Amino acid sequence: MAQYTSRSVEALVEQFSKLPTIGRKTAQRLASYILKMPRSEVVMLAEALVAAKDRVTTCTVCFNVADSSPCTICASDKRDHTTICVVEEPNDVMAVERTQEYRGVYHVLGGAISPLDGIGPDELKIRELVARVAERPEERPREVILALNPNVEGDTTAYYISQLLGPLEVPVTRIARGLPIGGDLEYADEATLSRAFEGRVAL
């Protein structure tokens, strides 16, 4: 494998290559881009990386990434704390927030149940979710929304959580799944089309 004549550049390529989905060619392109950037911007990038590592923590309430705990969403009196949206990863919180439709709070599991990957319920924040819902009977959520990925792992996790929350008599819902806006029926796979029929609504 060809290497750079500069050890510094080669070290940079090696570090980029350690990132997920980044192969050597992409790492080389990133390194080349860095070399063309003004030094001030490179310093800002380096400072942002270090700051993210040093300052970012996990909210002790919802387990989302944050600069302090509780996070701004959990601490806000403008959010509906009687509705909890359960997601797999912090990126899912950002996805829901972009819709500007949801005004409740969140609970980040840190993944989904996947026995093949060695991820069981104990590796996720499921126990904490149950404790959060059960901790004050008089202040129990009016709804727990499961916004988990529409795959086998997401389905397994959703079923497991619904079984645990059942005895607490808290309404548990799951976001609808179906055809994307602008999609054509003829190109939809059977599972997606099936889910679309199951999630149909009255007009």
Protein backbone atom coordinates (compact mmCIF):
# COMPACT_ATOMS: atom_id res chain seq x y z
CA MET A 1 0.00 0.00 0.00
CA ALA A 2 1.44 3.36 -1.07
CA GLN A 3 2.29 5.76 1.72
CA TYR A 4 2.98 9.47 1.81
CA THR A 5 6.55 10.70 1.96
CA SER A 6 5.38 12.89 4.84
CA ARG A 7 4.99 10.99 8.11
CA SER A 8 2.68 13.73 9.41
CA VAL A 9 0.29 13.35 6.49
CA GLU A 10 0.41 9.56 6.72
CA ALA A 11 -0.42 9.77 10.43
CA LEU A 12 -3.38 12.02 9.60
CA VAL A 13 -4.63 9.57 6.98
CA GLU A 14 -4.31 6.71 9.47
CA GLN A 15 -6.38 8.59 12.05
CA PHE A 16 -9.10 9.42 9.53
CA SER A 17 -9.15 5.77 8.43
CA LYS A 18 -10.12 4.74 11.97
CA LEU A 19 -13.45 6.57 11.66
CA PRO A 20 -16.52 4.46 10.72
CA THR A 21 -17.32 4.26 6.97
CA ILE A 22 -14.05 6.07 6.13
CA GLY A 23 -11.78 4.02 3.87
CA ARG A 24 -8.20 4.90 2.99
CA LYS A 25 -9.11 6.77 -0.19
CA THR A 26 -11.64 8.95 1.60
CA ALA A 27 -9.11 9.48 4.40
CA GLN A 28 -6.58 10.66 1.83
CA ARG A 29 -9.08 13.12 0.38
CA LEU A 30 -9.83 14.48 3.85
CA ALA A 31 -6.13 14.84 4.59
CA SER A 32 -5.60 16.71 1.30
CA TYR A 33 -8.49 19.02 2.16
CA ILE A 34 -7.04 19.71 5.60
CA LEU A 35 -3.69 20.66 4.03
CA LYS A 36 -5.43 23.22 1.83
CA MET A 37 -7.37 24.79 4.68
CA PRO A 38 -6.12 28.02 6.31
CA ARG A 39 -4.27 27.28 9.55
CA SER A 40 -6.86 29.23 11.57
CA GLU A 41 -9.63 26.91 10.36
CA VAL A 42 -7.58 23.81 11.13
CA VAL A 43 -7.02 25.13 14.66
CA MET A 44 -10.78 25.73 15.04
CA LEU A 45 -11.47 22.17 13.87
CA ALA A 46 -8.93 20.74 16.31
CA GLU A 47 -10.35 22.81 19.17
CA ALA A 48 -13.89 21.69 18.34
CA LEU A 49 -12.80 18.03 18.41
CA VAL A 50 -11.06 18.41 21.78
CA ALA A 51 -13.94 20.44 23.25
CA ALA A 52 -16.47 17.82 22.17
CA LYS A 53 -14.42 15.11 23.85
CA ASP A 54 -13.73 17.09 27.02
CA ARG A 55 -17.03 18.90 27.58
CA VAL A 56 -19.79 16.71 26.18
CA THR A 57 -21.49 14.54 28.77
CA THR A 58 -24.63 12.42 28.99
CA CYS A 59 -27.87 13.74 30.42
CA THR A 60 -28.68 11.73 33.54
CA VAL A 61 -32.41 11.98 32.78
CA CYS A 62 -32.78 11.12 29.09
CA PHE A 63 -29.22 9.93 28.26
CA ASN A 64 -28.88 12.25 25.28
CA VAL A 65 -25.53 13.93 24.65
CA ALA A 66 -25.34 17.37 26.27
CA ASP A 67 -23.00 20.01 27.64
CA SER A 68 -24.63 19.74 31.08
CA SER A 69 -27.05 17.54 32.97
CA PRO A 70 -29.98 17.74 32.83
CA CYS A 71 -29.90 18.68 29.14
CA THR A 72 -31.68 21.74 27.80
CA ILE A 73 -34.71 19.70 26.69
CA CYS A 74 -35.17 17.94 30.04
CA ALA A 75 -34.67 21.22 31.92
CA SER A 76 -37.10 23.20 29.78
CA ASP A 77 -40.48 24.13 31.28
CA LYS A 78 -41.76 24.67 27.75
CA ARG A 79 -41.60 20.95 26.94
CA ASP A 80 -44.40 18.49 27.63
CA HIS A 81 -42.89 16.23 30.28
CA THR A 82 -45.92 13.93 30.24
CA THR A 83 -44.90 12.53 26.84
CA ILE A 84 -41.66 10.57 26.40
CA CYS A 85 -40.31 9.71 22.96
CA VAL A 86 -38.00 6.70 23.08
CA VAL A 87 -35.25 6.62 20.43
CA GLU A 88 -32.18 4.51 19.79
CA GLU A 89 -29.44 7.12 19.35
CA PRO A 90 -28.81 10.85 19.93
CA ASN A 91 -28.98 11.41 16.15
CA ASP A 92 -32.60 10.25 16.29
CA VAL A 93 -33.40 13.08 18.71
CA MET A 94 -32.07 15.58 16.18
CA ALA A 95 -34.14 13.95 13.43
CA VAL A 96 -37.36 14.29 15.45
CA GLU A 97 -36.51 17.84 16.52
CA ARG A 98 -36.08 18.87 12.87
CA THR A 99 -39.77 18.15 12.28
CA GLN A 100 -40.68 20.88 14.81
CA GLU A 101 -43.82 18.85 15.55
CA TYR A 102 -42.88 17.08 18.78
CA ARG A 103 -42.85 19.07 22.03
CA GLY A 104 -42.35 16.30 24.57
CA VAL A 105 -39.14 14.93 26.10
CA TYR A 106 -36.91 12.02 25.10
CA HIS A 107 -35.26 8.85 26.31
CA VAL A 108 -32.20 7.60 24.42
CA LEU A 109 -31.65 3.85 24.69
CA GLY A 110 -28.14 3.80 23.23
CA GLY A 111 -29.00 1.22 20.59
CA ALA A 112 -31.41 -1.66 20.04
CA ILE A 113 -31.58 -5.26 21.21
CA SER A 114 -29.43 -7.34 18.87
CA PRO A 115 -28.35 -10.77 20.17
CA LEU A 116 -26.15 -11.36 17.11
CA ASP A 117 -24.14 -8.27 18.04
CA GLY A 118 -24.08 -9.16 21.72
CA ILE A 119 -26.45 -6.34 22.66
CA GLY A 120 -29.06 -7.37 25.20
CA PRO A 121 -31.51 -5.31 27.30
CA ASP A 122 -28.87 -4.81 30.01
CA GLU A 123 -26.59 -3.00 27.55
CA LEU A 124 -29.31 -0.41 26.87
CA LYS A 125 -31.05 2.22 28.99
CA ILE A 126 -34.26 0.19 29.19
CA ARG A 127 -34.16 -0.35 32.95
CA GLU A 128 -33.73 3.40 33.39
CA LEU A 129 -36.76 4.05 31.16
CA VAL A 130 -38.97 1.77 33.24
CA ALA A 131 -37.73 3.42 36.45
CA ARG A 132 -38.37 6.84 34.95
CA VAL A 133 -41.94 5.95 34.05
CA ALA A 134 -42.65 4.20 37.37
CA GLU A 135 -40.88 6.57 39.73
CA ARG A 136 -43.84 8.86 40.54
CA PRO A 137 -47.29 7.30 40.05
CA GLU A 138 -48.98 10.69 40.27
CA GLU A 139 -46.72 12.11 37.55
CA ARG A 140 -46.58 9.16 35.17
CA PRO A 141 -46.38 10.03 31.47
CA ARG A 142 -49.63 10.13 29.53
CA GLU A 143 -47.86 8.46 26.62
CA VAL A 144 -44.61 6.71 25.76
CA ILE A 145 -43.87 6.92 22.04
CA LEU A 146 -41.51 4.30 20.62
CA ALA A 147 -39.69 5.93 17.70
CA LEU A 148 -37.43 2.98 16.95
CA ASN A 149 -36.00 1.96 13.60
CA PRO A 150 -38.34 -0.19 11.45
CA ASN A 151 -36.19 -3.31 11.41
CA VAL A 152 -35.92 -6.60 13.30
CA GLU A 153 -33.86 -5.05 16.11
CA GLY A 154 -36.24 -2.12 16.46
CA ASP A 155 -39.28 -4.42 16.46
CA THR A 156 -37.71 -6.67 19.11
CA THR A 157 -36.82 -3.71 21.30
CA ALA A 158 -40.26 -2.14 20.92
CA TYR A 159 -41.98 -5.39 21.90
CA TYR A 160 -39.67 -5.89 24.91
CA ILE A 161 -40.29 -2.35 26.18
CA SER A 162 -44.05 -2.58 25.67
CA GLN A 163 -44.14 -5.76 27.76
CA LEU A 164 -42.21 -4.10 30.59
CA LEU A 165 -44.36 -0.98 30.58
CA GLY A 166 -47.65 -2.91 30.31
CA PRO A 167 -48.13 -3.40 34.07
CA LEU A 168 -47.61 0.34 34.65
CA GLU A 169 -50.76 1.09 32.63
CA VAL A 170 -49.11 3.80 30.57
CA PRO A 171 -50.23 4.15 26.94
CA VAL A 172 -47.42 2.94 24.66
CA THR A 173 -47.53 3.87 20.98
CA ARG A 174 -45.19 3.42 18.05
CA ILE A 175 -44.66 5.82 15.18
CA ALA A 176 -46.40 4.81 11.96
CA ARG A 177 -44.47 3.23 9.12
CA GLY A 178 -45.30 3.12 5.47
CA LEU A 179 -44.68 4.73 2.10
CA PRO A 180 -42.46 7.80 1.84
CA ILE A 181 -44.00 10.99 0.48
CA GLY A 182 -43.52 11.05 -3.28
CA GLY A 183 -42.99 7.28 -3.46
CA ASP A 184 -44.67 4.97 -5.97
CA LEU A 185 -46.59 1.85 -4.95
CA GLU A 186 -44.99 -0.24 -7.67
CA TYR A 187 -41.53 0.30 -6.19
CA ALA A 188 -42.50 -0.42 -2.57
CA ASP A 189 -41.37 -3.71 -1.06
CA GLU A 190 -43.95 -6.04 0.45
CA ALA A 191 -43.06 -5.30 4.08
CA THR A 192 -43.30 -1.52 3.63
CA LEU A 193 -46.60 -1.77 1.76
CA SER A 194 -47.95 -4.10 4.45
CA ARG A 195 -47.01 -1.62 7.16
CA ALA A 196 -48.65 1.19 5.18
CA PHE A 197 -51.94 -0.74 5.13
CA GLU A 198 -51.69 -1.51 8.85
CA GLY A 199 -51.11 2.15 9.64
CA ARG A 200 -53.91 3.54 7.49
CA VAL A 201 -56.00 6.37 8.95
CA ALA A 202 -59.51 7.69 8.39
CA LEU A 203 -60.03 10.73 6.15
